[in-house]
Protein backbone atom coordinates (compact mmCIF):
# COMPACT_ATOMS: atom_id res chain seq x y z
CA MET A 1 -24.31 -0.49 13.63
CA ALA A 2 -25.29 0.72 10.11
CA PRO A 3 -24.99 -1.74 7.45
CA ILE A 4 -22.00 -1.67 5.10
CA ASP A 5 -22.53 -1.56 1.46
CA THR A 6 -20.86 -4.06 -0.28
CA GLU A 7 -20.25 -5.35 -3.87
CA ILE A 8 -19.70 -8.98 -5.29
CA ARG A 9 -16.42 -9.57 -7.03
CA THR A 10 -15.49 -12.34 -9.23
CA ALA A 11 -11.86 -13.62 -9.73
CA HIS A 12 -10.37 -16.57 -11.62
CA VAL A 13 -8.24 -18.49 -9.45
CA PRO A 14 -6.07 -21.61 -9.76
CA LEU A 15 -8.16 -24.88 -9.21
CA PRO A 16 -6.04 -26.18 -6.29
CA LEU A 17 -6.47 -22.70 -4.42
CA ALA A 18 -10.36 -22.90 -5.10
CA GLU A 19 -10.40 -26.40 -3.74
CA ASN A 20 -8.47 -25.42 -0.68
CA VAL A 21 -10.74 -22.61 0.04
CA ASP A 22 -13.91 -24.88 -0.59
CA GLN A 23 -12.06 -27.52 1.90
CA LEU A 24 -11.45 -24.94 4.41
CA ALA A 25 -14.90 -23.38 4.38
CA ALA A 26 -16.41 -26.96 4.65
CA ARG A 27 -14.57 -27.73 7.56
CA LEU A 28 -15.24 -24.51 9.38
CA GLU A 29 -18.89 -24.76 8.22
CA ARG A 30 -18.63 -21.14 6.80
CA PRO A 31 -19.14 -19.69 3.25
CA CYS A 32 -16.20 -19.55 1.00
CA GLY A 33 -16.59 -15.51 1.33
CA TRP A 34 -15.80 -15.93 4.84
CA ILE A 35 -12.58 -17.00 4.00
CA VAL A 36 -11.67 -14.94 1.11
CA LYS A 37 -12.76 -11.57 2.68
CA PRO A 38 -10.23 -11.68 5.45
CA ALA A 39 -7.44 -13.07 3.30
CA SER A 40 -8.09 -10.38 0.83
CA THR A 41 -8.02 -7.69 3.59
CA ALA A 42 -4.88 -9.05 4.98
CA TRP A 43 -3.17 -9.00 1.52
CA ILE A 44 -4.10 -5.36 0.97
CA ASP A 45 -2.84 -4.44 4.57
CA GLN A 46 0.68 -5.96 3.78
CA GLU A 47 0.70 -4.69 0.29
CA GLU A 48 -0.10 -0.89 1.09
CA PRO A 49 3.29 -0.44 3.25
CA ARG A 50 5.12 -2.16 0.45
CA SER A 51 3.74 0.12 -2.20
CA ARG A 52 4.41 3.40 0.14
CA LEU A 53 7.82 2.34 0.80
CA THR A 54 8.35 1.87 -3.03
CA ARG A 55 7.03 5.14 -3.94
CA GLU A 56 9.14 6.92 -1.14
CA ALA A 57 12.19 5.13 -2.46
CA LEU A 58 11.62 6.18 -5.96
CA ALA A 59 11.07 9.66 -5.05
CA ASP A 60 14.26 9.55 -3.02
CA MET A 61 16.26 7.98 -6.18
CA GLY A 62 14.92 10.68 -8.31
CA ALA A 63 16.24 13.16 -5.85
CA GLY A 64 19.71 11.26 -5.88
CA HIS A 65 19.41 9.40 -2.78
CA VAL A 66 20.35 5.91 -3.81
CA GLU A 67 20.57 4.42 -0.37
CA ALA A 68 16.84 4.99 0.33
CA TYR A 69 16.06 2.78 -2.74
CA LEU A 70 18.57 -0.01 -1.50
CA PHE A 71 16.91 0.27 1.89
CA CYS A 72 13.49 -0.30 0.43
CA VAL A 73 14.68 -3.27 -1.73
CA LEU A 74 16.04 -5.04 1.34
CA GLN A 75 12.99 -4.16 3.52
CA CYS A 76 10.58 -5.46 0.90
CA SER A 77 12.39 -8.55 0.32
CA TYR A 78 12.47 -9.48 4.35
CA THR A 79 8.63 -8.81 4.41
CA LYS A 80 7.71 -11.50 1.79
């Protein structure tokens, strides 16, 4: 398998979150990136459908279909 290009990202996170990641990484004997990478991927995988539903609902609402907007609001609130 060919190596995947990567890029280092830096983010300011609340101290309790940073401590939790550090503790988990130490317990699993893994680097912090090993924890953050799948967590970021999972968040993006969850956010993409929400974003798509929102865009679709706004388009439907713009076309006068208010019920589609209400469906999106209810659907998004149950997936949180």
